[in-house]
Amino acid sequence: MTKILYTARGSALHGGRGGGEARTDDGKVAVRLSVPRAMGGDDGPGTNPEQLFSIGYSACFLGAMANAARKAGKKLPDDATVDAEVSFADREDNVGFTIVAKLTGKVPGWTEDEIQTLMTAAHDICPYSNLIREKHDVELVAQA
């Protein structure tokens, strides 16, 4: 059985993606949501799920790169960065939508080959990468 190490709890309300809001149960994150103009929205002042996913994925992947570097006997420099592009796209089966991600790792002083090797190892470690790469079951609970 999977050993749960940490659980974050968040909720979307008041219309969710369509101009609502989202927040965590501990109050550390609370954001207004808006739909980007490219998706037919008004591009209002709020953020969107793809932006939130991009910062979560980039942070997690940078941590995975540091872990992979340690395993290889190296230290990831403090000025290393990961940029994440997260796109909302139609699925090929025309049933729904999917997320398409692109990660760009920058490690000053390292060659592109060294960075690519590190990123490949980090891709195996990072739970966000695993979530995107593998099919996962999601428990759906309805409450009246």
N, C-alpha and C. Protein backbone atom coordinates (compact mmCIF):
# COMPACT_ATOMS: atom_id res chain seq x y z
N MET A 1 0.84 -1.19 0.00
CA MET A 1 0.00 0.00 0.00
C MET A 1 0.88 1.24 0.00
N THR A 2 0.38 2.29 -0.62
CA THR A 2 1.09 3.55 -0.68
C THR A 2 1.13 4.21 0.69
N LYS A 3 2.30 4.68 1.09
CA LYS A 3 2.44 5.38 2.36
C LYS A 3 2.30 6.88 2.10
N ILE A 4 1.24 7.47 2.61
CA ILE A 4 1.00 8.90 2.43
C ILE A 4 1.95 9.67 3.35
N LEU A 5 2.72 10.61 2.78
CA LEU A 5 3.65 11.42 3.56
C LEU A 5 3.08 12.79 3.91
N TYR A 6 2.20 13.30 3.07
CA TYR A 6 1.63 14.64 3.28
C TYR A 6 0.39 14.75 2.40
N THR A 7 -0.62 15.43 2.88
CA THR A 7 -1.83 15.69 2.10
C THR A 7 -2.16 17.16 2.14
N ALA A 8 -2.26 17.79 0.97
CA ALA A 8 -2.72 19.17 0.86
C ALA A 8 -4.21 19.14 0.58
N ARG A 9 -4.92 20.11 1.11
CA ARG A 9 -6.36 20.18 0.89
C ARG A 9 -6.72 21.56 0.34
N GLY A 10 -7.34 21.55 -0.82
CA GLY A 10 -7.76 22.79 -1.44
C GLY A 10 -9.18 22.67 -1.95
N SER A 11 -9.82 23.81 -2.14
CA SER A 11 -11.19 23.85 -2.62
C SER A 11 -11.36 24.95 -3.65
N ALA A 12 -12.18 24.67 -4.65
CA ALA A 12 -12.60 25.70 -5.60
C ALA A 12 -14.06 26.00 -5.32
N LEU A 13 -14.43 27.27 -5.38
CA LEU A 13 -15.81 27.65 -5.08
C LEU A 13 -16.22 28.88 -5.86
N HIS A 14 -17.49 29.21 -5.76
CA HIS A 14 -18.05 30.39 -6.42
C HIS A 14 -17.79 30.41 -7.92
N GLY A 15 -17.94 29.28 -8.57
CA GLY A 15 -17.75 29.22 -10.02
C GLY A 15 -16.42 28.65 -10.46
N GLY A 16 -15.51 28.40 -9.52
CA GLY A 16 -14.23 27.77 -9.87
C GLY A 16 -13.50 28.52 -10.97
N ARG A 17 -13.07 27.78 -11.98
CA ARG A 17 -12.31 28.33 -13.10
C ARG A 17 -13.02 29.54 -13.72
N GLY A 18 -14.32 29.52 -13.74
CA GLY A 18 -15.09 30.56 -14.41
C GLY A 18 -15.31 31.81 -13.58
N GLY A 19 -14.29 32.32 -12.95
CA GLY A 19 -14.42 33.57 -12.20
C GLY A 19 -14.62 33.39 -10.71
N GLY A 20 -14.38 32.21 -10.21
CA GLY A 20 -14.54 31.95 -8.79
C GLY A 20 -13.25 32.16 -8.03
N GLU A 21 -13.04 31.29 -7.06
CA GLU A 21 -11.83 31.37 -6.26
C GLU A 21 -11.41 29.97 -5.84
N ALA A 22 -10.20 29.87 -5.35
CA ALA A 22 -9.68 28.61 -4.83
C ALA A 22 -8.81 28.94 -3.63
N ARG A 23 -8.79 27.99 -2.67
CA ARG A 23 -7.98 28.24 -1.48
C ARG A 23 -7.67 26.92 -0.79
N THR A 24 -6.61 26.97 0.02
CA THR A 24 -6.24 25.81 0.81
C THR A 24 -6.92 25.89 2.17
N ASP A 25 -7.07 24.74 2.80
CA ASP A 25 -7.76 24.70 4.09
C ASP A 25 -6.99 25.43 5.19
N ASP A 26 -5.68 25.58 5.03
CA ASP A 26 -4.88 26.26 6.05
C ASP A 26 -4.76 27.76 5.81
N GLY A 27 -5.34 28.25 4.71
CA GLY A 27 -5.32 29.67 4.41
C GLY A 27 -4.02 30.20 3.82
N LYS A 28 -3.04 29.33 3.58
CA LYS A 28 -1.76 29.79 3.04
C LYS A 28 -1.85 30.21 1.58
N VAL A 29 -2.82 29.67 0.86
CA VAL A 29 -3.04 30.04 -0.54
C VAL A 29 -4.51 30.37 -0.72
N ALA A 30 -4.77 31.53 -1.28
CA ALA A 30 -6.14 31.94 -1.62
C ALA A 30 -6.04 32.81 -2.86
N VAL A 31 -6.68 32.38 -3.94
CA VAL A 31 -6.55 33.09 -5.21
C VAL A 31 -7.91 33.27 -5.87
N ARG A 32 -8.02 34.35 -6.62
CA ARG A 32 -9.16 34.56 -7.51
C ARG A 32 -8.83 33.85 -8.81
N LEU A 33 -9.84 33.36 -9.48
CA LEU A 33 -9.65 32.64 -10.73
C LEU A 33 -10.31 33.40 -11.88
N SER A 34 -9.67 33.37 -13.03
CA SER A 34 -10.19 33.98 -14.25
C SER A 34 -9.90 33.06 -15.41
N VAL A 35 -10.70 33.18 -16.44
CA VAL A 35 -10.50 32.38 -17.65
C VAL A 35 -9.69 33.21 -18.65
N PRO A 36 -8.56 32.66 -19.16
CA PRO A 36 -7.76 33.39 -20.14
C PRO A 36 -8.57 33.69 -21.42
N ARG A 37 -8.25 34.80 -22.04
CA ARG A 37 -8.91 35.19 -23.28
C ARG A 37 -8.78 34.09 -24.33
N ALA A 38 -7.64 33.41 -24.38
CA ALA A 38 -7.42 32.35 -25.37
C ALA A 38 -8.40 31.19 -25.20
N MET A 39 -9.01 31.09 -24.03
CA MET A 39 -9.98 30.03 -23.76
C MET A 39 -11.41 30.58 -23.75
N GLY A 40 -11.60 31.78 -24.27
CA GLY A 40 -12.93 32.37 -24.35
C GLY A 40 -13.33 33.19 -23.15
N GLY A 41 -12.40 33.44 -22.25
CA GLY A 41 -12.71 34.20 -21.05
C GLY A 41 -12.42 35.67 -21.20
N ASP A 42 -12.57 36.39 -20.08
CA ASP A 42 -12.36 37.83 -20.08
C ASP A 42 -10.94 38.23 -19.67
N ASP A 43 -10.09 37.22 -19.39
CA ASP A 43 -8.70 37.47 -18.98
C ASP A 43 -8.66 38.39 -17.76
N GLY A 44 -9.57 38.13 -16.84
CA GLY A 44 -9.69 38.96 -15.64
C GLY A 44 -8.46 38.95 -14.77
N PRO A 45 -8.55 39.54 -13.58
CA PRO A 45 -7.39 39.73 -12.71
C PRO A 45 -6.90 38.46 -12.00
N GLY A 46 -7.67 37.40 -12.05
CA GLY A 46 -7.28 36.19 -11.32
C GLY A 46 -6.31 35.31 -12.09
N THR A 47 -5.83 34.30 -11.41
CA THR A 47 -4.94 33.30 -12.00
C THR A 47 -5.80 32.18 -12.58
N ASN A 48 -5.17 31.10 -13.01
CA ASN A 48 -5.93 29.96 -13.54
C ASN A 48 -5.22 28.67 -13.14
N PRO A 49 -5.91 27.53 -13.25
CA PRO A 49 -5.32 26.27 -12.82
C PRO A 49 -4.00 25.92 -13.51
N GLU A 50 -3.85 26.31 -14.77
CA GLU A 50 -2.61 25.99 -15.48
C GLU A 50 -1.43 26.77 -14.90
N GLN A 51 -1.66 28.03 -14.54
CA GLN A 51 -0.59 28.81 -13.91
C GLN A 51 -0.22 28.21 -12.56
N LEU A 52 -1.22 27.82 -11.80
CA LEU A 52 -0.94 27.21 -10.49
C LEU A 52 -0.19 25.90 -10.65
N PHE A 53 -0.60 25.09 -11.63
CA PHE A 53 0.09 23.82 -11.88
C PHE A 53 1.53 24.07 -12.32
N SER A 54 1.76 25.11 -13.13
CA SER A 54 3.11 25.38 -13.63
C SER A 54 4.07 25.73 -12.50
N ILE A 55 3.62 26.49 -11.51
CA ILE A 55 4.54 26.81 -10.41
C ILE A 55 4.73 25.61 -9.49
N GLY A 56 3.69 24.81 -9.30
CA GLY A 56 3.83 23.60 -8.51
C GLY A 56 4.77 22.61 -9.16
N TYR A 57 4.59 22.42 -10.47
CA TYR A 57 5.42 21.45 -11.20
C TYR A 57 6.87 21.92 -11.23
N SER A 58 7.10 23.20 -11.52
CA SER A 58 8.49 23.68 -11.60
C SER A 58 9.19 23.56 -10.24
N ALA A 59 8.48 23.87 -9.16
CA ALA A 59 9.08 23.76 -7.82
C ALA A 59 9.39 22.31 -7.48
N CYS A 60 8.44 21.43 -7.76
CA CYS A 60 8.65 20.01 -7.46
C CYS A 60 9.78 19.44 -8.30
N PHE A 61 9.82 19.80 -9.59
CA PHE A 61 10.84 19.26 -10.47
C PHE A 61 12.24 19.76 -10.08
N LEU A 62 12.34 21.01 -9.66
CA LEU A 62 13.64 21.52 -9.21
C LEU A 62 14.11 20.74 -7.98
N GLY A 63 13.18 20.41 -7.08
CA GLY A 63 13.53 19.57 -5.93
C GLY A 63 13.97 18.18 -6.37
N ALA A 64 13.31 17.64 -7.38
CA ALA A 64 13.70 16.32 -7.89
C ALA A 64 15.07 16.38 -8.55
N MET A 65 15.38 17.49 -9.23
CA MET A 65 16.71 17.65 -9.81
C MET A 65 17.78 17.69 -8.72
N ALA A 66 17.51 18.37 -7.62
CA ALA A 66 18.46 18.41 -6.50
C ALA A 66 18.66 17.02 -5.93
N ASN A 67 17.58 16.26 -5.81
CA ASN A 67 17.65 14.89 -5.31
C ASN A 67 18.47 14.02 -6.27
N ALA A 68 18.21 14.15 -7.56
CA ALA A 68 18.96 13.36 -8.56
C ALA A 68 20.44 13.73 -8.56
N ALA A 69 20.73 15.01 -8.39
CA ALA A 69 22.13 15.46 -8.32
C ALA A 69 22.83 14.83 -7.11
N ARG A 70 22.16 14.84 -5.95
CA ARG A 70 22.75 14.22 -4.74
C ARG A 70 23.04 12.75 -4.98
N LYS A 71 22.08 12.05 -5.61
CA LYS A 71 22.28 10.63 -5.88
C LYS A 71 23.46 10.38 -6.81
N ALA A 72 23.76 11.38 -7.65
CA ALA A 72 24.89 11.27 -8.58
C ALA A 72 26.18 11.82 -7.97
N GLY A 73 26.14 12.21 -6.68
CA GLY A 73 27.32 12.72 -6.00
C GLY A 73 27.65 14.16 -6.35
N LYS A 74 26.66 14.91 -6.83
CA LYS A 74 26.86 16.32 -7.19
C LYS A 74 25.95 17.18 -6.33
N LYS A 75 26.19 18.48 -6.38
CA LYS A 75 25.32 19.44 -5.70
C LYS A 75 24.74 20.37 -6.75
N LEU A 76 23.43 20.49 -6.75
CA LEU A 76 22.77 21.43 -7.66
C LEU A 76 23.02 22.84 -7.14
N PRO A 77 23.53 23.74 -7.98
CA PRO A 77 23.79 25.09 -7.50
C PRO A 77 22.50 25.82 -7.12
N ASP A 78 22.61 26.77 -6.20
CA ASP A 78 21.45 27.51 -5.72
C ASP A 78 20.77 28.33 -6.81
N ASP A 79 21.50 28.67 -7.88
CA ASP A 79 20.90 29.48 -8.94
C ASP A 79 20.32 28.65 -10.08
N ALA A 80 20.20 27.34 -9.89
CA ALA A 80 19.53 26.49 -10.87
C ALA A 80 18.05 26.84 -10.88
N THR A 81 17.42 26.74 -12.05
CA THR A 81 16.00 27.06 -12.18
C THR A 81 15.30 26.04 -13.08
N VAL A 82 13.99 25.97 -12.91
CA VAL A 82 13.15 25.19 -13.82
C VAL A 82 11.98 26.08 -14.22
N ASP A 83 11.78 26.23 -15.51
CA ASP A 83 10.62 26.94 -16.05
C ASP A 83 9.65 25.89 -16.56
N ALA A 84 8.37 26.03 -16.22
CA ALA A 84 7.36 25.10 -16.68
C ALA A 84 6.33 25.82 -17.54
N GLU A 85 6.09 25.27 -18.72
CA GLU A 85 4.99 25.73 -19.56
C GLU A 85 3.91 24.66 -19.45
N VAL A 86 2.73 25.05 -19.03
CA VAL A 86 1.63 24.12 -18.88
C VAL A 86 0.49 24.59 -19.77
N SER A 87 0.13 23.75 -20.73
CA SER A 87 -0.90 24.10 -21.70
C SER A 87 -2.16 23.27 -21.49
N PHE A 88 -3.29 23.90 -21.68
CA PHE A 88 -4.60 23.26 -21.65
C PHE A 88 -4.92 22.93 -23.10
N ALA A 89 -5.23 21.66 -23.39
CA ALA A 89 -5.42 21.25 -24.78
C ALA A 89 -6.59 20.27 -24.93
N ASP A 90 -7.13 20.20 -26.14
CA ASP A 90 -8.14 19.19 -26.45
C ASP A 90 -7.48 17.82 -26.46
N ARG A 91 -8.20 16.83 -25.98
CA ARG A 91 -7.71 15.45 -26.07
C ARG A 91 -7.96 14.94 -27.47
N GLU A 92 -7.12 14.02 -27.91
CA GLU A 92 -7.26 13.45 -29.25
C GLU A 92 -8.55 12.67 -29.41
N ASP A 93 -9.12 12.15 -28.31
CA ASP A 93 -10.36 11.37 -28.41
C ASP A 93 -11.60 12.27 -28.43
N ASN A 94 -11.39 13.59 -28.36
CA ASN A 94 -12.48 14.58 -28.39
C ASN A 94 -13.50 14.43 -27.27
N VAL A 95 -13.14 13.75 -26.19
CA VAL A 95 -14.04 13.55 -25.07
C VAL A 95 -13.85 14.66 -24.03
N GLY A 96 -12.65 15.13 -23.87
CA GLY A 96 -12.36 16.11 -22.84
C GLY A 96 -11.09 16.86 -23.15
N PHE A 97 -10.37 17.18 -22.11
CA PHE A 97 -9.17 18.00 -22.25
C PHE A 97 -7.98 17.33 -21.58
N THR A 98 -6.80 17.83 -21.86
CA THR A 98 -5.59 17.29 -21.27
C THR A 98 -4.63 18.44 -20.95
N ILE A 99 -3.59 18.11 -20.24
CA ILE A 99 -2.52 19.06 -19.92
C ILE A 99 -1.27 18.62 -20.68
N VAL A 100 -0.63 19.58 -21.32
CA VAL A 100 0.64 19.35 -22.01
C VAL A 100 1.69 20.20 -21.31
N ALA A 101 2.79 19.59 -20.92
CA ALA A 101 3.80 20.31 -20.15
C ALA A 101 5.16 20.29 -20.86
N LYS A 102 5.90 21.37 -20.67
CA LYS A 102 7.28 21.50 -21.15
C LYS A 102 8.10 22.09 -20.02
N LEU A 103 9.19 21.42 -19.66
CA LEU A 103 10.08 21.88 -18.60
C LEU A 103 11.42 22.29 -19.19
N THR A 104 11.93 23.42 -18.77
CA THR A 104 13.25 23.88 -19.20
C THR A 104 14.11 24.06 -17.96
N GLY A 105 15.17 23.28 -17.87
CA GLY A 105 16.09 23.36 -16.75
C GLY A 105 17.31 24.18 -17.09
N LYS A 106 17.72 25.03 -16.18
CA LYS A 106 18.91 25.87 -16.36
C LYS A 106 19.81 25.67 -15.15
N VAL A 107 21.02 25.21 -15.40
CA VAL A 107 21.99 24.98 -14.33
C VAL A 107 23.29 25.67 -14.75
N PRO A 108 23.49 26.90 -14.28
CA PRO A 108 24.71 27.63 -14.63
C PRO A 108 25.97 26.82 -14.33
N GLY A 109 26.88 26.81 -15.29
CA GLY A 109 28.15 26.10 -15.13
C GLY A 109 28.11 24.66 -15.58
N TRP A 110 26.94 24.14 -15.92
CA TRP A 110 26.81 22.76 -16.40
C TRP A 110 26.58 22.77 -17.90
N THR A 111 26.97 21.69 -18.57
CA THR A 111 26.73 21.56 -20.01
C THR A 111 25.28 21.13 -20.24
N GLU A 112 24.80 21.32 -21.46
CA GLU A 112 23.44 20.88 -21.79
C GLU A 112 23.30 19.37 -21.61
N ASP A 113 24.33 18.60 -21.96
CA ASP A 113 24.27 17.14 -21.77
C ASP A 113 24.15 16.78 -20.29
N GLU A 114 24.90 17.47 -19.43
CA GLU A 114 24.81 17.21 -17.99
C GLU A 114 23.42 17.56 -17.46
N ILE A 115 22.87 18.67 -17.92
CA ILE A 115 21.54 19.09 -17.47
C ILE A 115 20.49 18.11 -17.97
N GLN A 116 20.61 17.68 -19.24
CA GLN A 116 19.63 16.73 -19.78
C GLN A 116 19.67 15.40 -19.03
N THR A 117 20.85 14.92 -18.69
CA THR A 117 20.98 13.68 -17.92
C THR A 117 20.32 13.84 -16.55
N LEU A 118 20.58 14.98 -15.91
CA LEU A 118 19.99 15.25 -14.60
C LEU A 118 18.47 15.34 -14.70
N MET A 119 17.97 16.03 -15.73
CA MET A 119 16.52 16.18 -15.89
C MET A 119 15.84 14.84 -16.17
N THR A 120 16.50 13.98 -16.91
CA THR A 120 15.95 12.66 -17.19
C THR A 120 15.81 11.87 -15.89
N ALA A 121 16.83 11.94 -15.04
CA ALA A 121 16.76 11.26 -13.74
C ALA A 121 15.68 11.89 -12.86
N ALA A 122 15.59 13.22 -12.87
CA ALA A 122 14.58 13.91 -12.06
C ALA A 122 13.17 13.58 -12.53
N HIS A 123 13.01 13.37 -13.82
CA HIS A 123 11.69 13.03 -14.38
C HIS A 123 11.19 11.70 -13.81
N ASP A 124 12.10 10.80 -13.47
CA ASP A 124 11.72 9.53 -12.85
C ASP A 124 11.38 9.70 -11.37
N ILE A 125 11.92 10.74 -10.73
CA ILE A 125 11.73 10.98 -9.30
C ILE A 125 10.50 11.82 -9.02
N CYS A 126 10.24 12.84 -9.83
CA CYS A 126 9.22 13.86 -9.56
C CYS A 126 7.80 13.29 -9.61
N PRO A 127 7.02 13.48 -8.55
CA PRO A 127 5.64 12.97 -8.56
C PRO A 127 4.74 13.68 -9.56
N TYR A 128 5.00 14.94 -9.87
CA TYR A 128 4.22 15.62 -10.91
C TYR A 128 4.47 14.94 -12.26
N SER A 129 5.73 14.63 -12.56
CA SER A 129 6.04 13.93 -13.81
C SER A 129 5.34 12.58 -13.84
N ASN A 130 5.37 11.88 -12.72
CA ASN A 130 4.71 10.58 -12.64
C ASN A 130 3.20 10.73 -12.87
N LEU A 131 2.61 11.76 -12.31
CA LEU A 131 1.18 12.00 -12.48
C LEU A 131 0.83 12.23 -13.94
N ILE A 132 1.63 12.99 -14.64
CA ILE A 132 1.37 13.27 -16.05
C ILE A 132 1.65 12.04 -16.92
N ARG A 133 2.71 11.32 -16.60
CA ARG A 133 3.16 10.21 -17.43
C ARG A 133 2.30 8.96 -17.28
N GLU A 134 1.82 8.71 -16.11
CA GLU A 134 1.09 7.47 -15.82
C GLU A 134 -0.38 7.72 -15.56
N LYS A 135 -1.20 6.75 -15.89
CA LYS A 135 -2.62 6.83 -15.55
C LYS A 135 -2.77 6.58 -14.05
N HIS A 136 -3.53 7.42 -13.40
CA HIS A 136 -3.76 7.30 -11.96
C HIS A 136 -5.25 7.21 -11.68
N ASP A 137 -5.58 6.40 -10.70
CA ASP A 137 -6.95 6.35 -10.24
C ASP A 137 -7.20 7.55 -9.34
N VAL A 138 -8.41 8.09 -9.45
CA VAL A 138 -8.82 9.20 -8.59
C VAL A 138 -10.11 8.76 -7.90
N GLU A 139 -10.12 8.89 -6.60
CA GLU A 139 -11.33 8.55 -5.85
C GLU A 139 -12.30 9.72 -5.95
N LEU A 140 -13.50 9.47 -6.44
CA LEU A 140 -14.53 10.49 -6.56
C LEU A 140 -15.56 10.26 -5.48
N VAL A 141 -15.77 11.25 -4.61
CA VAL A 141 -16.69 11.14 -3.49
C VAL A 141 -17.77 12.20 -3.64
N ALA A 142 -19.03 11.79 -3.73
CA ALA A 142 -20.15 12.73 -3.82
C ALA A 142 -20.75 12.94 -2.44
N GLN A 143 -21.00 14.20 -2.11
CA GLN A 143 -21.66 14.52 -0.83
C GLN A 143 -22.83 15.44 -1.11
N ALA A 144 -23.98 15.10 -0.58
CA ALA A 144 -25.17 15.94 -0.77
C ALA A 144 -25.28 16.96 0.35
